Amino acid sequence: MSSKKQSSLEAIMGELDSGAAGRRDIGMFTIKTANKTLTDAAQRPNPRNLYQYLWYEGEVCCMFSDSNLGKSILAVQIAEHIAQTDRVLLVDCELSDKQFQLRYTDEVTGYMHLFPENFLRAEINPTALRMANYEEMVIENIKEMANKEGIRFIIVDNLTYLCNASDKGDIAGVFMGRLMDLKKNYDLSLLIVAHTPKRSLTSPITQNDLAGSKKLYNFFDSVFAIGRSATDRNLRYVKQLKVRAGEFRYDADNIMVYEIIKTDGFLHFEFREFSTEREHLKSIDENYISDRERNVLELKAQGKSLREIATMTDLSKSSVDRILKKHPAVPDCPTVPDVGQMGHLGQGTQQGSLDLKDEEE
């Protein structure tokens, strides 16, 4: 250990031994020295990455998107991932049990996807929706389920059923206070699924797209969103908007692009590539061609095969195919005219694919 590090450690330990670093409760606050704060926190384990560095243990996280983009599908996928090692509860306010069964059953073979036994699902009794203190009871019952079932990871789909008036600042503040109480006093990690108003495919996703009061966004520990790709109606992308425990991995320059597919009854997000959000937004100029698209088209015009183009551009074959279908007339030209100065090819992309089950550290 260097003398500098050793002296720092000795200074902290000396302060602790002197008794000057003890905690004091003053009203609603607990006060202690910065050094005591460091040593106390160091005794606890670092928050665990729960899913793709988007949600960490001990956080109240929010996932939001426009309607029909697969929020509930990804919520179930996240729950199944956590259930490989821990008990997790999905409070499903979107689907009935029959709808859930049909979604996770192969239409041809009748095979039903087998979830881990650690994955529990709860529905709200329809008669409870008429209760005068409905929202308070939802929070209380979530707390009770977590206690009785020994659950620390809870996903709620969706926010509307927890806070009907989330667009009103004072009510949203009270609601978030209840969630923070669940997190801190009951050691729970919460993922809240939320909506965004109808948004244009020409604009990047921002924090302002989260429906409801801005107080909601301010209170959440982490926030990520699902967007629809303008290049292919079957593609979705995931973008991080707020991070506290880790680092920004999936910002506008490095979004994760997925395709929703069903395999053996399991409807899920299948990773396709890393990309930039700009390349998946609808351009106001319909003749716009990105650098990456231009490179693919030029290689096609040179007679390269789909596989060769994919290898040379670090793209998947399906991505190359989508670009060629998007610009069917251009590959016949020997070169593609430059329509603007863009960044270097491949900026914000990464080779290879992402295994959703093996991404944990």
Protein backbone atom coordinates (compact mmCIF):
# COMPACT_ATOMS: atom_id res chain seq x y z
CA MET A 1 0.00 0.00 0.00
CA SER A 2 1.40 3.43 -0.91
CA SER A 3 2.26 5.80 1.93
CA LYS A 4 -0.33 8.26 0.66
CA LYS A 5 -3.15 5.68 0.73
CA GLN A 6 -1.99 4.41 4.09
CA SER A 7 -1.99 7.88 5.61
CA SER A 8 -5.52 8.52 4.28
CA LEU A 9 -6.76 5.27 5.80
CA GLU A 10 -5.04 6.01 9.10
CA ALA A 11 -6.64 9.45 9.19
CA ILE A 12 -10.10 7.99 8.71
CA MET A 13 -9.58 5.23 11.27
CA GLY A 14 -8.11 7.71 13.72
CA GLU A 15 -11.18 9.87 13.47
CA LEU A 16 -13.41 6.86 14.04
CA ASP A 17 -11.41 5.78 17.08
CA SER A 18 -11.62 9.25 18.56
CA GLY A 19 -15.40 9.05 18.58
CA ALA A 20 -15.74 12.27 16.59
CA ALA A 21 -17.40 10.46 13.71
CA GLY A 22 -20.43 9.06 15.48
CA ARG A 23 -23.87 9.53 13.98
CA ARG A 24 -26.36 11.98 15.45
CA ASP A 25 -30.08 12.14 14.77
CA ILE A 26 -31.44 15.65 14.50
CA GLY A 27 -35.13 15.70 13.67
CA MET A 28 -35.69 13.78 10.45
CA PHE A 29 -31.97 13.87 9.58
CA THR A 30 -29.04 11.65 10.49
CA ILE A 31 -25.73 13.51 10.49
CA LYS A 32 -22.21 12.08 10.48
CA THR A 33 -18.84 12.94 9.00
CA ALA A 34 -18.04 12.29 5.36
CA ASN A 35 -15.40 9.76 6.45
CA LYS A 36 -17.92 7.90 8.60
CA THR A 37 -20.28 7.90 5.63
CA LEU A 38 -17.60 6.28 3.46
CA THR A 39 -16.66 3.58 5.96
CA ASP A 40 -20.28 2.74 6.81
CA ALA A 41 -21.21 2.43 3.13
CA ALA A 42 -18.11 0.34 2.41
CA GLN A 43 -19.42 -2.34 4.78
CA ARG A 44 -22.39 -2.97 2.50
CA PRO A 45 -22.11 -4.76 -0.87
CA ASN A 46 -22.19 -2.73 -4.07
CA PRO A 47 -25.58 -2.69 -5.81
CA ARG A 48 -25.99 -5.65 -8.16
CA ASN A 49 -26.71 -5.17 -11.84
CA LEU A 50 -30.16 -6.70 -12.25
CA TYR A 51 -30.59 -6.42 -16.01
CA GLN A 52 -28.30 -5.07 -18.74
CA TYR A 53 -26.99 -2.26 -16.49
CA LEU A 54 -30.41 -0.62 -16.83
CA TRP A 55 -31.72 -1.45 -13.34
CA TYR A 56 -29.66 -1.98 -10.19
CA GLU A 57 -30.44 -3.58 -6.86
CA GLY A 58 -31.97 -1.16 -4.37
CA GLU A 59 -33.28 1.21 -7.05
CA VAL A 60 -36.71 2.49 -8.01
CA CYS A 61 -36.35 2.33 -11.80
CA CYS A 62 -38.74 3.40 -14.56
CA MET A 63 -39.16 1.91 -18.04
CA PHE A 64 -41.45 3.80 -20.41
CA SER A 65 -42.52 3.89 -24.04
CA ASP A 66 -45.39 4.68 -26.36
CA SER A 67 -48.27 2.19 -26.60
CA ASN A 68 -47.79 -1.18 -28.31
CA LEU A 69 -43.99 -1.11 -28.37
CA GLY A 70 -43.49 -4.09 -26.06
CA LYS A 71 -43.13 -2.64 -22.55
CA SER A 72 -44.95 -5.58 -20.99
CA ILE A 73 -42.96 -8.06 -23.08
CA LEU A 74 -39.65 -6.64 -21.88
CA ALA A 75 -40.96 -6.44 -18.29
CA VAL A 76 -41.67 -10.19 -18.31
CA GLN A 77 -38.28 -10.85 -19.91
CA ILE A 78 -36.55 -8.89 -17.15
CA ALA A 79 -38.54 -10.75 -14.50
CA GLU A 80 -37.56 -14.11 -15.96
CA HIS A 81 -33.91 -13.10 -16.04
CA ILE A 82 -33.92 -12.14 -12.34
CA ALA A 83 -35.90 -15.28 -11.45
CA GLN A 84 -32.94 -17.41 -12.50
CA THR A 85 -31.39 -16.55 -9.13
CA ASP A 86 -33.95 -14.61 -7.03
CA ARG A 87 -37.66 -14.53 -6.32
CA VAL A 88 -39.33 -11.78 -8.33
CA LEU A 89 -42.93 -10.55 -8.44
CA LEU A 90 -44.65 -9.11 -11.52
CA VAL A 91 -47.72 -7.07 -10.57
CA ASP A 92 -49.50 -7.40 -13.91
CA CYS A 93 -52.25 -4.82 -14.34
CA GLU A 94 -52.27 -5.15 -18.13
CA LEU A 95 -53.09 -8.76 -19.02
CA SER A 96 -55.63 -11.27 -17.76
CA ASP A 97 -54.38 -14.77 -16.99
CA LYS A 98 -55.78 -15.99 -20.32
CA GLN A 99 -54.09 -13.21 -22.28
CA PHE A 100 -50.83 -13.99 -20.49
CA GLN A 101 -51.20 -17.69 -21.31
CA LEU A 102 -51.87 -17.02 -25.01
CA ARG A 103 -48.93 -14.64 -25.24
CA TYR A 104 -46.54 -17.31 -23.95
CA THR A 105 -47.93 -20.28 -25.85
CA ASP A 106 -46.79 -21.44 -29.30
CA GLU A 107 -49.80 -21.06 -31.59
CA VAL A 108 -48.83 -24.05 -33.75
CA THR A 109 -47.60 -26.65 -31.26
CA GLY A 110 -49.48 -25.48 -28.17
CA TYR A 111 -46.20 -25.55 -26.23
CA MET A 112 -46.27 -23.23 -23.22
CA HIS A 113 -43.07 -21.47 -22.19
CA LEU A 114 -41.75 -22.72 -18.85
CA PHE A 115 -40.84 -19.88 -16.47
CA PRO A 116 -38.59 -20.30 -13.40
CA GLU A 117 -40.48 -21.15 -10.19
CA ASN A 118 -38.99 -17.99 -8.67
CA PHE A 119 -41.16 -15.93 -11.04
CA LEU A 120 -44.45 -14.97 -9.34
CA ARG A 121 -47.26 -13.02 -11.02
CA ALA A 122 -50.08 -11.09 -9.36
CA GLU A 123 -53.28 -9.57 -10.77
CA ILE A 124 -55.51 -6.92 -9.23
CA ASN A 125 -58.96 -8.09 -8.23
CA PRO A 126 -61.37 -6.08 -10.47
CA THR A 127 -63.65 -5.28 -7.51
CA ALA A 128 -60.74 -3.49 -5.81
CA LEU A 129 -60.70 -0.80 -8.50
CA ARG A 130 -63.79 0.78 -6.91
CA MET A 131 -62.18 1.17 -3.49
CA ALA A 132 -62.01 4.75 -2.18
CA ASN A 133 -58.42 4.35 -0.96
CA TYR A 134 -57.41 2.19 -3.89
CA GLU A 135 -53.92 3.65 -4.49
CA GLU A 136 -52.93 3.42 -0.84
CA MET A 137 -54.10 -0.19 -0.69
CA VAL A 138 -52.07 -1.11 -3.78
CA ILE A 139 -48.88 0.05 -2.07
CA GLU A 140 -49.82 -1.68 1.19
CA ASN A 141 -50.65 -4.95 -0.56
CA ILE A 142 -47.39 -4.89 -2.53
CA LYS A 143 -45.58 -4.48 0.76
CA GLU A 144 -47.56 -7.38 2.25
CA MET A 145 -46.90 -9.67 -0.73
CA ALA A 146 -43.18 -8.92 -0.58
CA ASN A 147 -43.11 -9.73 3.13
CA LYS A 148 -45.14 -12.95 2.99
CA GLU A 149 -43.51 -14.31 -0.18
CA GLY A 150 -39.95 -13.30 0.68
CA ILE A 151 -39.60 -11.12 -2.41
CA ARG A 152 -37.20 -8.20 -2.84
CA PHE A 153 -37.59 -7.56 -6.59
CA ILE A 154 -40.90 -6.22 -7.86
CA ILE A 155 -42.02 -5.08 -11.31
CA VAL A 156 -45.28 -3.13 -11.61
CA ASP A 157 -46.97 -2.93 -15.00
CA ASN A 158 -48.02 -0.15 -15.04
CA LEU A 159 -47.78 3.26 -13.33
CA THR A 160 -51.39 4.24 -14.04
CA TYR A 161 -52.66 1.62 -11.60
CA LEU A 162 -50.40 2.95 -8.86
CA CYS A 163 -51.03 6.66 -9.33
CA ASN A 164 -54.02 7.72 -11.43
CA ALA A 165 -53.16 11.41 -11.07
CA SER A 166 -49.44 11.17 -11.82
CA ASP A 167 -49.70 14.37 -13.90
CA LYS A 168 -50.38 16.42 -10.77
CA GLY A 169 -47.19 17.44 -9.02
CA ASP A 170 -48.38 17.23 -5.40
CA ILE A 171 -50.00 13.79 -5.85
CA ALA A 172 -47.01 12.51 -7.81
CA GLY A 173 -44.74 13.63 -4.98
CA VAL A 174 -46.77 11.73 -2.39
CA PHE A 175 -46.79 8.65 -4.60
CA MET A 176 -43.02 8.71 -5.10
CA GLY A 177 -42.59 9.13 -1.35
CA ARG A 178 -44.46 5.85 -0.86
CA LEU A 179 -42.22 4.09 -3.37
CA MET A 180 -39.11 5.44 -1.67
CA ASP A 181 -40.49 4.14 1.62
CA LEU A 182 -40.82 0.66 0.11
CA LYS A 183 -37.26 0.85 -1.20
CA LYS A 184 -35.54 2.10 1.92
CA ASN A 185 -37.54 0.56 4.74
CA TYR A 186 -38.27 -2.82 3.18
CA ASP A 187 -35.12 -3.33 1.08
CA LEU A 188 -37.05 -3.63 -2.18
CA SER A 189 -35.94 -3.02 -5.75
CA LEU A 190 -38.78 -1.70 -7.92
CA LEU A 191 -39.22 -1.41 -11.67
CA ILE A 192 -42.21 0.74 -12.67
CA VAL A 193 -43.55 0.50 -16.24
CA ALA A 194 -45.00 3.77 -17.58
CA HIS A 195 -46.43 5.33 -20.73
CA THR A 196 -45.41 8.22 -22.93
CA PRO A 197 -47.82 10.33 -24.97
CA LYS A 198 -47.85 9.73 -28.73
CA ARG A 199 -44.52 10.98 -29.99
CA SER A 200 -42.96 11.74 -33.37
CA LEU A 201 -40.47 9.29 -34.86
CA THR A 202 -38.38 12.26 -36.02
CA SER A 203 -37.37 13.28 -32.48
CA PRO A 204 -35.03 11.53 -30.03
CA ILE A 205 -36.47 10.24 -26.75
CA THR A 206 -35.95 12.59 -23.81
CA GLN A 207 -37.01 12.77 -20.17
CA ASN A 208 -39.88 15.04 -21.23
CA ASP A 209 -41.52 12.09 -22.99
CA LEU A 210 -42.37 10.38 -19.69
CA ALA A 211 -46.08 10.90 -19.14
CA GLY A 212 -47.03 12.66 -15.90
CA SER A 213 -45.44 15.13 -13.56
CA LYS A 214 -41.72 15.92 -13.89
CA LYS A 215 -41.50 15.07 -10.19
CA LEU A 216 -41.75 11.43 -11.18
CA TYR A 217 -38.59 11.58 -13.29
CA ASN A 218 -36.68 13.49 -10.63
CA PHE A 219 -37.40 10.86 -7.96
CA PHE A 220 -36.57 7.75 -10.02
CA ASP A 221 -33.08 6.37 -9.49
CA SER A 222 -32.78 5.21 -13.09
CA VAL A 223 -34.87 5.58 -16.24
CA PHE A 224 -34.75 3.91 -19.65
CA ALA A 225 -37.11 3.98 -22.61
CA ILE A 226 -38.16 1.87 -25.58
CA GLY A 227 -38.41 3.54 -28.98
CA ARG A 228 -39.72 2.39 -32.35
CA SER A 229 -37.22 2.29 -35.18
CA ALA A 230 -38.24 4.30 -38.23
CA THR A 231 -36.17 1.97 -40.43
CA ASP A 232 -38.25 -1.14 -39.69
CA ARG A 233 -41.59 -1.38 -37.92
CA ASN A 234 -40.51 -4.66 -36.29
CA LEU A 235 -37.48 -3.12 -34.59
CA ARG A 236 -37.31 -1.48 -31.16
CA TYR A 237 -34.43 0.28 -29.45
CA VAL A 238 -33.59 0.78 -25.79
CA LYS A 239 -32.06 4.05 -24.58
CA GLN A 240 -30.85 5.02 -21.11
CA LEU A 241 -31.99 8.40 -19.84
CA LYS A 242 -30.96 8.41 -16.18
CA VAL A 243 -28.33 6.45 -14.26
CA ARG A 244 -27.16 6.69 -10.65
CA ALA A 245 -25.54 3.40 -9.67
CA GLY A 246 -23.56 2.75 -12.85
CA GLU A 247 -22.62 4.65 -15.97
CA PHE A 248 -24.34 5.65 -19.17
CA ARG A 249 -23.82 2.70 -21.50
CA TYR A 250 -26.75 3.10 -23.88
CA ASP A 251 -27.14 6.79 -24.65
CA ALA A 252 -28.06 8.26 -28.04
CA ASP A 253 -24.70 7.20 -29.49
CA ASN A 254 -24.97 3.56 -28.40
CA ILE A 255 -28.56 2.36 -28.25
CA MET A 256 -29.48 -1.34 -28.18
CA VAL A 257 -31.58 -2.44 -31.15
CA TYR A 258 -33.96 -5.40 -30.77
CA GLU A 259 -36.51 -7.36 -32.73
CA ILE A 260 -39.54 -8.85 -30.98
CA ILE A 261 -39.78 -12.54 -31.83
CA LYS A 262 -41.47 -15.63 -30.44
CA THR A 263 -39.44 -18.81 -29.92
CA ASP A 264 -40.98 -21.95 -28.42
CA GLY A 265 -43.79 -19.89 -26.93
CA PHE A 266 -41.51 -17.23 -25.46
CA LEU A 267 -42.25 -13.75 -26.79
CA HIS A 268 -39.16 -11.64 -26.19
CA PHE A 269 -36.76 -8.91 -27.30
CA GLU A 270 -33.96 -10.45 -29.38
CA PHE A 271 -30.83 -8.31 -29.58
CA ARG A 272 -29.74 -7.32 -33.10
CA GLU A 273 -27.05 -4.65 -32.84
CA PHE A 274 -25.72 -1.51 -31.21
CA SER A 275 -26.45 1.64 -33.16
CA THR A 276 -27.06 5.37 -32.86
CA GLU A 277 -30.51 6.74 -32.18
CA ARG A 278 -30.12 9.12 -35.11
CA GLU A 279 -30.05 6.20 -37.54
CA HIS A 280 -33.41 4.94 -36.25
CA LEU A 281 -35.26 8.26 -36.35
CA LYS A 282 -37.42 9.28 -39.27
CA SER A 283 -35.64 11.88 -41.34
CA ILE A 284 -37.52 14.98 -42.40
CA ASP A 285 -35.56 14.69 -45.65
CA GLU A 286 -36.87 11.50 -47.25
CA ASN A 287 -33.71 11.33 -49.43
CA TYR A 288 -31.40 11.22 -46.42
CA ILE A 289 -28.90 8.35 -46.44
CA SER A 290 -26.64 7.78 -43.45
CA ASP A 291 -22.94 6.98 -43.79
CA ARG A 292 -23.57 3.40 -42.72
CA GLU A 293 -26.34 2.96 -45.29
CA ARG A 294 -24.20 4.57 -47.99
CA ASN A 295 -21.35 2.16 -47.31
CA VAL A 296 -23.67 -0.86 -47.52
CA LEU A 297 -25.13 0.36 -50.81
CA GLU A 298 -21.71 1.00 -52.32
CA LEU A 299 -20.54 -2.52 -51.40
CA LYS A 300 -23.72 -3.95 -52.92
CA ALA A 301 -23.08 -1.98 -56.11
CA GLN A 302 -19.61 -3.57 -56.20
CA GLY A 303 -21.25 -7.00 -56.32
CA LYS A 304 -20.60 -8.03 -52.72
CA SER A 305 -22.87 -10.68 -51.20
CA LEU A 306 -25.07 -10.12 -48.14
CA ARG A 307 -22.66 -12.09 -45.96
CA GLU A 308 -19.61 -10.21 -47.28
CA ILE A 309 -21.23 -6.83 -46.66
CA ALA A 310 -22.19 -7.86 -43.13
CA THR A 311 -18.61 -8.91 -42.38
CA MET A 312 -17.07 -5.78 -43.87
CA THR A 313 -19.40 -3.37 -42.05
CA ASP A 314 -19.70 -5.17 -38.68
CA LEU A 315 -23.46 -5.43 -39.16
CA SER A 316 -25.76 -8.42 -38.94
CA LYS A 317 -27.08 -9.89 -42.17
CA SER A 318 -30.62 -8.88 -41.21
CA SER A 319 -29.48 -5.26 -40.76
CA VAL A 320 -27.81 -5.26 -44.16
CA ASP A 321 -30.94 -6.75 -45.71
CA ARG A 322 -33.13 -4.05 -44.14
CA ILE A 323 -30.90 -1.29 -45.54
CA LEU A 324 -31.01 -2.78 -49.03
CA LYS A 325 -34.79 -3.07 -48.89
CA LYS A 326 -35.06 0.50 -47.64
CA HIS A 327 -33.14 1.80 -50.70
CA PRO A 328 -33.99 -0.73 -53.43
CA ALA A 329 -33.06 1.49 -56.41
CA VAL A 330 -29.73 2.83 -55.19
CA PRO A 331 -27.52 -0.33 -55.37
CA ASP A 332 -27.69 -0.31 -59.17
CA CYS A 333 -25.57 2.83 -59.23
CA PRO A 334 -21.78 2.41 -59.13
CA THR A 335 -21.50 4.97 -56.34
CA VAL A 336 -23.94 6.62 -54.00
CA PRO A 337 -23.85 10.43 -54.02
CA ASP A 338 -22.80 12.14 -50.80
CA VAL A 339 -25.89 13.77 -49.29
CA GLY A 340 -24.21 15.36 -46.30
CA GLN A 341 -21.31 15.22 -43.96
CA MET A 342 -21.99 12.61 -41.29
CA GLY A 343 -19.76 10.93 -38.69
CA HIS A 344 -17.38 8.08 -39.33
CA LEU A 345 -18.85 4.72 -40.29
CA GLY A 346 -19.58 2.52 -37.31
CA GLN A 347 -19.70 5.29 -34.71
CA GLY A 348 -21.81 4.06 -31.84
CA THR A 349 -21.81 0.45 -33.04
CA GLN A 350 -20.15 -2.62 -31.65
CA GLN A 351 -19.18 -5.94 -33.13
CA GLY A 352 -20.97 -9.11 -32.30
CA SER A 353 -24.25 -9.69 -30.55
CA LEU A 354 -25.51 -9.47 -27.02
CA ASP A 355 -26.60 -12.53 -25.09
CA LEU A 356 -29.36 -11.32 -22.80
CA LYS A 357 -28.76 -14.10 -20.29
CA ASP A 358 -24.99 -13.78 -20.07
CA GLU A 359 -24.52 -10.02 -19.92
CA GLU A 360 -24.20 -9.90 -16.14
CA GLU A 361 -20.77 -9.14 -14.73
